[in-house]
Amino acid sequence: MVCNNSVREQTGQKMLELTVQECRLRWLGHVQKMNDERIAKQVLRWVPEDRRKRGRSRITWQDVVNKDIKEGGLTWEEAMSLTANKC
């Protein structure tokens, strides 16, 4: 039996969690650069008017991205300005 961590170290691969996190942040940058008329950009800034049902609230994509940004040591505004400055 070989531990997953030792296999990753030997092969030089990153944890899957980090790879998915990078993809989410890359998609955020892509959406940030879109025209304001695009649906994906509108959804990013959309705030629902209705209240949610009782119980635990669902985790949204934006909640997960906010967590990824905070783990990177940035605020939402800093991340948006970084994506806006890229060519």
PDB file of N, CA and C in Angstrom:
ATOM      1  N   MET A   1       0.849  -1.186   0.000  1.00  0.00           N
ATOM      2  CA  MET A   1       0.000   0.000   0.000  1.00  0.00           C
ATOM      3  C   MET A   1       0.890   1.243   0.000  1.00  0.00           C
ATOM      4  N   VAL A   2       0.583   2.156  -0.906  1.00  0.00           N
ATOM      5  CA  VAL A   2       1.339   3.396  -1.016  1.00  0.00           C
ATOM      6  C   VAL A   2       0.379   4.563  -0.804  1.00  0.00           C
ATOM      7  N   CYS A   3       0.789   5.517  -0.010  1.00  0.00           N
ATOM      8  CA  CYS A   3      -0.038   6.685   0.303  1.00  0.00           C
ATOM      9  C   CYS A   3      -0.182   7.580  -0.930  1.00  0.00           C
ATOM     10  N   ASN A   4      -1.349   8.192  -1.085  1.00  0.00           N
ATOM     11  CA  ASN A   4      -1.596   9.091  -2.214  1.00  0.00           C
ATOM     12  C   ASN A   4      -0.619  10.260  -2.230  1.00  0.00           C
ATOM     13  N   ASN A   5      -0.315  10.794  -1.057  1.00  0.00           N
ATOM     14  CA  ASN A   5       0.606  11.932  -0.986  1.00  0.00           C
ATOM     15  C   ASN A   5       1.982  11.570  -1.508  1.00  0.00           C
ATOM     16  N   SER A   6       2.454  10.386  -1.195  1.00  0.00           N
ATOM     17  CA  SER A   6       3.784   9.997  -1.674  1.00  0.00           C
ATOM     18  C   SER A   6       3.774   9.776  -3.196  1.00  0.00           C
ATOM     19  N   VAL A   7       2.677   9.263  -3.737  1.00  0.00           N
ATOM     20  CA  VAL A   7       2.572   9.088  -5.189  1.00  0.00           C
ATOM     21  C   VAL A   7       2.577  10.453  -5.869  1.00  0.00           C
ATOM     22  N   ARG A   8       1.833  11.425  -5.305  1.00  0.00           N
ATOM     23  CA  ARG A   8       1.816  12.773  -5.876  1.00  0.00           C
ATOM     24  C   ARG A   8       3.199  13.403  -5.840  1.00  0.00           C
ATOM     25  N   GLU A   9       3.919  13.218  -4.764  1.00  0.00           N
ATOM     26  CA  GLU A   9       5.272  13.779  -4.656  1.00  0.00           C
ATOM     27  C   GLU A   9       6.196  13.147  -5.689  1.00  0.00           C
ATOM     28  N   GLN A  10       6.084  11.857  -5.885  1.00  0.00           N
ATOM     29  CA  GLN A  10       6.952  11.166  -6.843  1.00  0.00           C
ATOM     30  C   GLN A  10       6.645  11.569  -8.283  1.00  0.00           C
ATOM     31  N   THR A  11       5.372  11.806  -8.585  1.00  0.00           N
ATOM     32  CA  THR A  11       4.995  12.150  -9.953  1.00  0.00           C
ATOM     33  C   THR A  11       5.004  13.650 -10.200  1.00  0.00           C
ATOM     34  N   GLY A  12       5.093  14.461  -9.135  1.00  0.00           N
ATOM     35  CA  GLY A  12       5.127  15.910  -9.287  1.00  0.00           C
ATOM     36  C   GLY A  12       3.784  16.530  -9.604  1.00  0.00           C
ATOM     37  N   GLN A  13       2.698  15.855  -9.245  1.00  0.00           N
ATOM     38  CA  GLN A  13       1.356  16.376  -9.512  1.00  0.00           C
ATOM     39  C   GLN A  13       0.840  17.164  -8.324  1.00  0.00           C
ATOM     40  N   LYS A  14      -0.034  18.136  -8.621  1.00  0.00           N
ATOM     41  CA  LYS A  14      -0.670  18.918  -7.571  1.00  0.00           C
ATOM     42  C   LYS A  14      -1.906  18.175  -7.076  1.00  0.00           C
ATOM     43  N   MET A  15      -2.383  18.592  -5.910  1.00  0.00           N
ATOM     44  CA  MET A  15      -3.625  18.029  -5.396  1.00  0.00           C
ATOM     45  C   MET A  15      -4.763  18.444  -6.320  1.00  0.00           C
ATOM     46  N   LEU A  16      -5.727  17.576  -6.499  1.00  0.00           N
ATOM     47  CA  LEU A  16      -6.855  17.845  -7.374  1.00  0.00           C
ATOM     48  C   LEU A  16      -7.612  19.087  -6.911  1.00  0.00           C
ATOM     49  N   GLU A  17      -7.713  19.270  -5.621  1.00  0.00           N
ATOM     50  CA  GLU A  17      -8.403  20.429  -5.061  1.00  0.00           C
ATOM     51  C   GLU A  17      -7.773  21.739  -5.547  1.00  0.00           C
ATOM     52  N   LEU A  18      -6.444  21.794  -5.604  1.00  0.00           N
ATOM     53  CA  LEU A  18      -5.763  22.994  -6.084  1.00  0.00           C
ATOM     54  C   LEU A  18      -5.982  23.216  -7.578  1.00  0.00           C
ATOM     55  N   THR A  19      -6.023  22.141  -8.339  1.00  0.00           N
ATOM     56  CA  THR A  19      -6.257  22.252  -9.768  1.00  0.00           C
ATOM     57  C   THR A  19      -7.653  22.795 -10.048  1.00  0.00           C
ATOM     58  N   VAL A  20      -8.654  22.308  -9.330  1.00  0.00           N
ATOM     59  CA  VAL A  20     -10.029  22.775  -9.505  1.00  0.00           C
ATOM     60  C   VAL A  20     -10.140  24.238  -9.083  1.00  0.00           C
ATOM     61  N   GLN A  21      -9.467  24.616  -8.001  1.00  0.00           N
ATOM     62  CA  GLN A  21      -9.473  25.995  -7.530  1.00  0.00           C
ATOM     63  C   GLN A  21      -8.883  26.933  -8.586  1.00  0.00           C
ATOM     64  N   GLU A  22      -7.789  26.536  -9.205  1.00  0.00           N
ATOM     65  CA  GLU A  22      -7.181  27.337 -10.266  1.00  0.00           C
ATOM     66  C   GLU A  22      -8.133  27.501 -11.447  1.00  0.00           C
ATOM     67  N   CYS A  23      -8.836  26.446 -11.802  1.00  0.00           N
ATOM     68  CA  CYS A  23      -9.784  26.515 -12.917  1.00  0.00           C
ATOM     69  C   CYS A  23     -10.935  27.465 -12.606  1.00  0.00           C
ATOM     70  N   ARG A  24     -11.434  27.433 -11.370  1.00  0.00           N
ATOM     71  CA  ARG A  24     -12.510  28.344 -10.979  1.00  0.00           C
ATOM     72  C   ARG A  24     -12.054  29.795 -11.072  1.00  0.00           C
ATOM     73  N   LEU A  25     -10.859  30.074 -10.587  1.00  0.00           N
ATOM     74  CA  LEU A  25     -10.357  31.445 -10.623  1.00  0.00           C
ATOM     75  C   LEU A  25     -10.054  31.884 -12.055  1.00  0.00           C
ATOM     76  N   ARG A  26      -9.596  30.977 -12.887  1.00  0.00           N
ATOM     77  CA  ARG A  26      -9.356  31.291 -14.285  1.00  0.00           C
ATOM     78  C   ARG A  26     -10.677  31.624 -14.977  1.00  0.00           C
ATOM     79  N   TRP A  27     -11.741  30.867 -14.663  1.00  0.00           N
ATOM     80  CA  TRP A  27     -13.052  31.134 -15.244  1.00  0.00           C
ATOM     81  C   TRP A  27     -13.575  32.487 -14.756  1.00  0.00           C
ATOM     82  N   LEU A  28     -13.332  32.831 -13.497  1.00  0.00           N
ATOM     83  CA  LEU A  28     -13.742  34.136 -12.965  1.00  0.00           C
ATOM     84  C   LEU A  28     -13.088  35.254 -13.767  1.00  0.00           C
ATOM     85  N   GLY A  29     -11.816  35.122 -14.067  1.00  0.00           N
ATOM     86  CA  GLY A  29     -11.126  36.124 -14.867  1.00  0.00           C
ATOM     87  C   GLY A  29     -11.705  36.214 -16.260  1.00  0.00           C
ATOM     88  N   HIS A  30     -12.065  35.073 -16.831  1.00  0.00           N
ATOM     89  CA  HIS A  30     -12.657  35.044 -18.164  1.00  0.00           C
ATOM     90  C   HIS A  30     -14.013  35.752 -18.165  1.00  0.00           C
ATOM     91  N   VAL A  31     -14.830  35.486 -17.159  1.00  0.00           N
ATOM     92  CA  VAL A  31     -16.151  36.105 -17.068  1.00  0.00           C
ATOM     93  C   VAL A  31     -16.007  37.605 -16.825  1.00  0.00           C
ATOM     94  N   GLN A  32     -15.044  37.998 -16.021  1.00  0.00           N
ATOM     95  CA  GLN A  32     -14.831  39.408 -15.703  1.00  0.00           C
ATOM     96  C   GLN A  32     -14.523  40.216 -16.970  1.00  0.00           C
ATOM     97  N   LYS A  33     -13.865  39.604 -17.937  1.00  0.00           N
ATOM     98  CA  LYS A  33     -13.486  40.301 -19.165  1.00  0.00           C
ATOM     99  C   LYS A  33     -14.601  40.335 -20.206  1.00  0.00           C
ATOM    100  N   MET A  34     -15.693  39.604 -19.969  1.00  0.00           N
ATOM    101  CA  MET A  34     -16.795  39.543 -20.927  1.00  0.00           C
ATOM    102  C   MET A  34     -17.538  40.876 -20.994  1.00  0.00           C
ATOM    103  N   ASN A  35     -18.287  41.061 -22.083  1.00  0.00           N
ATOM    104  CA  ASN A  35     -19.163  42.229 -22.213  1.00  0.00           C
ATOM    105  C   ASN A  35     -20.250  42.160 -21.151  1.00  0.00           C
ATOM    106  N   ASP A  36     -20.759  43.330 -20.754  1.00  0.00           N
ATOM    107  CA  ASP A  36     -21.792  43.379 -19.722  1.00  0.00           C
ATOM    108  C   ASP A  36     -23.109  42.763 -20.182  1.00  0.00           C
ATOM    109  N   GLU A  37     -23.311  42.607 -21.488  1.00  0.00           N
ATOM    110  CA  GLU A  37     -24.553  42.030 -22.002  1.00  0.00           C
ATOM    111  C   GLU A  37     -24.578  40.508 -21.894  1.00  0.00           C
ATOM    112  N   ARG A  38     -23.430  39.881 -21.700  1.00  0.00           N
ATOM    113  CA  ARG A  38     -23.371  38.417 -21.631  1.00  0.00           C
ATOM    114  C   ARG A  38     -24.035  37.915 -20.352  1.00  0.00           C
ATOM    115  N   ILE A  39     -24.728  36.814 -20.467  1.00  0.00           N
ATOM    116  CA  ILE A  39     -25.488  36.270 -19.335  1.00  0.00           C
ATOM    117  C   ILE A  39     -24.567  35.882 -18.182  1.00  0.00           C
ATOM    118  N   ALA A  40     -23.423  35.295 -18.488  1.00  0.00           N
ATOM    119  CA  ALA A  40     -22.501  34.875 -17.422  1.00  0.00           C
ATOM    120  C   ALA A  40     -22.052  36.067 -16.587  1.00  0.00           C
ATOM    121  N   LYS A  41     -21.824  37.204 -17.219  1.00  0.00           N
ATOM    122  CA  LYS A  41     -21.406  38.410 -16.499  1.00  0.00           C
ATOM    123  C   LYS A  41     -22.558  38.960 -15.674  1.00  0.00           C
ATOM    124  N   GLN A  42     -23.775  38.901 -16.208  1.00  0.00           N
ATOM    125  CA  GLN A  42     -24.937  39.386 -15.479  1.00  0.00           C
ATOM    126  C   GLN A  42     -25.209  38.526 -14.250  1.00  0.00           C
ATOM    127  N   VAL A  43     -25.025  37.226 -14.379  1.00  0.00           N
ATOM    128  CA  VAL A  43     -25.256  36.315 -13.256  1.00  0.00           C
ATOM    129  C   VAL A  43     -24.240  36.567 -12.144  1.00  0.00           C
ATOM    130  N   LEU A  44     -23.036  36.941 -12.523  1.00  0.00           N
ATOM    131  CA  LEU A  44     -21.991  37.203 -11.523  1.00  0.00           C
ATOM    132  C   LEU A  44     -22.391  38.346 -10.594  1.00  0.00           C
ATOM    133  N   ARG A  45     -23.134  39.310 -11.116  1.00  0.00           N
ATOM    134  CA  ARG A  45     -23.518  40.480 -10.318  1.00  0.00           C
ATOM    135  C   ARG A  45     -24.968  40.437  -9.843  1.00  0.00           C
ATOM    136  N   TRP A  46     -25.685  39.356 -10.154  1.00  0.00           N
ATOM    137  CA  TRP A  46     -27.100  39.238  -9.828  1.00  0.00           C
ATOM    138  C   TRP A  46     -27.301  38.992  -8.341  1.00  0.00           C
ATOM    139  N   VAL A  47     -28.282  39.679  -7.762  1.00  0.00           N
ATOM    140  CA  VAL A  47     -28.658  39.471  -6.361  1.00  0.00           C
ATOM    141  C   VAL A  47     -30.130  39.085  -6.343  1.00  0.00           C
ATOM    142  N   PRO A  48     -30.470  37.883  -5.857  1.00  0.00           N
ATOM    143  CA  PRO A  48     -31.874  37.451  -5.864  1.00  0.00           C
ATOM    144  C   PRO A  48     -32.717  38.313  -4.935  1.00  0.00           C
ATOM    145  N   GLU A  49     -33.970  38.526  -5.332  1.00  0.00           N
ATOM    146  CA  GLU A  49     -34.868  39.363  -4.546  1.00  0.00           C
ATOM    147  C   GLU A  49     -35.616  38.559  -3.490  1.00  0.00           C
ATOM    148  N   ASP A  50     -35.948  37.327  -3.793  1.00  0.00           N
ATOM    149  CA  ASP A  50     -36.738  36.500  -2.883  1.00  0.00           C
ATOM    150  C   ASP A  50     -35.870  35.927  -1.769  1.00  0.00           C
ATOM    151  N   ARG A  51     -36.542  35.582  -0.682  1.00  0.00           N
ATOM    152  CA  ARG A  51     -35.842  34.945   0.427  1.00  0.00           C
ATOM    153  C   ARG A  51     -35.755  33.451   0.158  1.00  0.00           C
ATOM    154  N   ARG A  52     -34.754  32.826   0.743  1.00  0.00           N
ATOM    155  CA  ARG A  52     -34.604  31.381   0.583  1.00  0.00           C
ATOM    156  C   ARG A  52     -35.470  30.645   1.593  1.00  0.00           C
ATOM    157  N   LYS A  53     -35.630  29.370   1.345  1.00  0.00           N
ATOM    158  CA  LYS A  53     -36.410  28.530   2.247  1.00  0.00           C
ATOM    159  C   LYS A  53     -35.653  28.328   3.552  1.00  0.00           C
ATOM    160  N   ARG A  54     -36.354  27.790   4.510  1.00  0.00           N
ATOM    161  CA  ARG A  54     -35.734  27.493   5.795  1.00  0.00           C
ATOM    162  C   ARG A  54     -34.677  26.419   5.630  1.00  0.00           C
ATOM    163  N   GLY A  55     -33.770  26.360   6.588  1.00  0.00           N
ATOM    164  CA  GLY A  55     -32.740  25.335   6.562  1.00  0.00           C
ATOM    165  C   GLY A  55     -31.395  25.912   6.158  1.00  0.00           C
ATOM    166  N   ARG A  56     -30.455  25.029   6.007  1.00  0.00           N
ATOM    167  CA  ARG A  56     -29.109  25.451   5.638  1.00  0.00           C
ATOM    168  C   ARG A  56     -29.122  26.025   4.220  1.00  0.00           C
ATOM    169  N   SER A  57     -28.480  27.163   4.051  1.00  0.00           N
ATOM    170  CA  SER A  57     -28.447  27.762   2.728  1.00  0.00           C
ATOM    171  C   SER A  57     -27.484  26.988   1.833  1.00  0.00           C
ATOM    172  N   ARG A  58     -27.795  26.967   0.556  1.00  0.00           N
ATOM    173  CA  ARG A  58     -26.959  26.269  -0.406  1.00  0.00           C
ATOM    174  C   ARG A  58     -25.702  27.079  -0.673  1.00  0.00           C
ATOM    175  N   ILE A  59     -24.640  26.379  -0.954  1.00  0.00           N
ATOM    176  CA  ILE A  59     -23.383  27.039  -1.267  1.00  0.00           C
ATOM    177  C   ILE A  59     -23.394  27.358  -2.761  1.00  0.00           C
ATOM    178  N   THR A  60     -23.225  28.627  -3.087  1.00  0.00           N
ATOM    179  CA  THR A  60     -23.239  29.046  -4.477  1.00  0.00           C
ATOM    180  C   THR A  60     -21.822  29.043  -5.039  1.00  0.00           C
ATOM    181  N   TRP A  61     -21.728  29.158  -6.356  1.00  0.00           N
ATOM    182  CA  TRP A  61     -20.433  29.222  -7.019  1.00  0.00           C
ATOM    183  C   TRP A  61     -19.668  30.441  -6.534  1.00  0.00           C
ATOM    184  N   GLN A  62     -20.384  31.556  -6.355  1.00  0.00           N
ATOM    185  CA  GLN A  62     -19.728  32.779  -5.908  1.00  0.00           C
ATOM    186  C   GLN A  62     -19.213  32.634  -4.477  1.00  0.00           C
ATOM    187  N   ASP A  63     -19.912  31.907  -3.622  1.00  0.00           N
ATOM    188  CA  ASP A  63     -19.425  31.651  -2.266  1.00  0.00           C
ATOM    189  C   ASP A  63     -18.109  30.888  -2.300  1.00  0.00           C
ATOM    190  N   VAL A  64     -18.029  29.887  -3.164  1.00  0.00           N
ATOM    191  CA  VAL A  64     -16.821  29.074  -3.278  1.00  0.00           C
ATOM    192  C   VAL A  64     -15.670  29.915  -3.829  1.00  0.00           C
ATOM    193  N   VAL A  65     -15.965  30.757  -4.828  1.00  0.00           N
ATOM    194  CA  VAL A  65     -14.921  31.611  -5.398  1.00  0.00           C
ATOM    195  C   VAL A  65     -14.448  32.629  -4.367  1.00  0.00           C
ATOM    196  N   ASN A  66     -15.372  33.179  -3.576  1.00  0.00           N
ATOM    197  CA  ASN A  66     -14.980  34.098  -2.502  1.00  0.00           C
ATOM    198  C   ASN A  66     -14.026  33.414  -1.531  1.00  0.00           C
ATOM    199  N   LYS A  67     -14.307  32.162  -1.213  1.00  0.00           N
ATOM    200  CA  LYS A  67     -13.435  31.403  -0.316  1.00  0.00           C
ATOM    201  C   LYS A  67     -12.056  31.201  -0.952  1.00  0.00           C
ATOM    202  N   ASP A  68     -12.032  30.885  -2.245  1.00  0.00           N
ATOM    203  CA  ASP A  68     -10.761  30.710  -2.953  1.00  0.00           C
ATOM    204  C   ASP A  68      -9.946  31.997  -2.948  1.00  0.00           C
ATOM    205  N   ILE A  69     -10.622  33.131  -3.167  1.00  0.00           N
ATOM    206  CA  ILE A  69      -9.934  34.420  -3.193  1.00  0.00           C
ATOM    207  C   ILE A  69      -9.374  34.753  -1.812  1.00  0.00           C
ATOM    208  N   LYS A  70     -10.156  34.501  -0.764  1.00  0.00           N
ATOM    209  CA  LYS A  70      -9.686  34.783   0.597  1.00  0.00           C
ATOM    210  C   LYS A  70      -8.499  33.902   0.956  1.00  0.00           C
ATOM    211  N   GLU A  71      -8.510  32.641   0.514  1.00  0.00           N
ATOM    212  CA  GLU A  71      -7.377  31.757   0.774  1.00  0.00           C
ATOM    213  C   GLU A  71      -6.124  32.254   0.074  1.00  0.00           C
ATOM    214  N   GLY A  72      -6.310  32.975  -1.038  1.00  0.00           N
ATOM    215  CA  GLY A  72      -5.190  33.561  -1.756  1.00  0.00           C
ATOM    216  C   GLY A  72      -4.716  34.864  -1.131  1.00  0.00           C
ATOM    217  N   GLY A  73      -5.415  35.346  -0.105  1.00  0.00           N
ATOM    218  CA  GLY A  73      -5.018  36.562   0.591  1.00  0.00           C
ATOM    219  C   GLY A  73      -5.478  37.839  -0.096  1.00  0.00           C
ATOM    220  N   LEU A  74      -6.544  37.761  -0.894  1.00  0.00           N
ATOM    221  CA  LEU A  74      -7.051  38.924  -1.615  1.00  0.00           C
ATOM    222  C   LEU A  74      -8.487  39.221  -1.194  1.00  0.00           C
ATOM    223  N   THR A  75      -8.936  40.419  -1.517  1.00  0.00           N
ATOM    224  CA  THR A  75     -10.347  40.750  -1.373  1.00  0.00           C
ATOM    225  C   THR A  75     -11.002  40.618  -2.745  1.00  0.00           C
ATOM    226  N   TRP A  76     -12.326  40.654  -2.783  1.00  0.00           N
ATOM    227  CA  TRP A  76     -13.050  40.530  -4.045  1.00  0.00           C
ATOM    228  C   TRP A  76     -12.652  41.667  -4.995  1.00  0.00           C
ATOM    229  N   GLU A  77     -12.555  42.887  -4.461  1.00  0.00           N
ATOM    230  CA  GLU A  77     -12.212  44.038  -5.289  1.00  0.00           C
ATOM    231  C   GLU A  77     -10.801  43.908  -5.859  1.00  0.00           C
ATOM    232  N   GLU A  78      -9.860  43.437  -5.051  1.00  0.00           N
ATOM    233  CA  GLU A  78      -8.486  43.258  -5.526  1.00  0.00           C
ATOM    234  C   GLU A  78      -8.429  42.204  -6.634  1.00  0.00           C
ATOM    235  N   ALA A  79      -9.167  41.130  -6.477  1.00  0.00           N
ATOM    236  CA  ALA A  79      -9.189  40.080  -7.483  1.00  0.00           C
ATOM    237  C   ALA A  79      -9.807  40.593  -8.773  1.00  0.00           C
ATOM    238  N   MET A  80     -10.871  41.383  -8.684  1.00  0.00           N
ATOM    239  CA  MET A  80     -11.505  41.942  -9.873  1.00  0.00           C
ATOM    240  C   MET A  80     -10.565  42.906 -10.591  1.00  0.00           C
ATOM    241  N   SER A  81      -9.826  43.715  -9.833  1.00  0.00           N
ATOM    242  CA  SER A  81      -8.892  44.644 -10.484  1.00  0.00           C
ATOM    243  C   SER A  81      -7.731  43.893 -11.128  1.00  0.00           C
ATOM    244  N   LEU A  82      -7.296  42.787 -10.527  1.00  0.00           N
ATOM    245  CA  LEU A  82      -6.223  42.000 -11.132  1.00  0.00           C
ATOM    246  C   LEU A  82      -6.664  41.384 -12.451  1.00  0.00           C
ATOM    247  N   THR A  83      -7.888  40.875 -12.494  1.00  0.00           N
ATOM    248  CA  THR A  83      -8.376  40.272 -13.727  1.00  0.00           C
ATOM    249  C   THR A  83      -8.636  41.323 -14.790  1.00  0.00           C
ATOM    250  N   ALA A  84      -9.041  42.517 -14.382  1.00  0.00           N
ATOM    251  CA  ALA A  84      -9.319  43.578 -15.342  1.00  0.00           C
ATOM    252  C   ALA A  84      -8.024  44.103 -15.975  1.00  0.00           C
ATOM    253  N   ASN A  85      -6.895  44.034 -15.244  1.00  0.00           N
ATOM    254  CA  ASN A  85      -5.638  44.569 -15.733  1.00  0.00           C
ATOM    255  C   ASN A  85      -4.925  43.626 -16.684  1.00  0.00           C
ATOM    256  N   LYS A  86      -5.306  42.345 -16.702  1.00  0.00           N
ATOM    257  CA  LYS A  86      -4.625  41.388 -17.582  1.00  0.00           C
ATOM    258  C   LYS A  86      -5.062  41.590 -19.024  1.00  0.00           C
ATOM    259  N   CYS A  87      -4.165  41.312 -19.935  1.00  0.00           N
ATOM    260  CA  CYS A  87      -4.483  41.453 -21.367  1.00  0.00           C
ATOM    261  C   CYS A  87      -5.085  40.184 -21.908  1.00  0.00           C
TER     262      CYS A  87
END
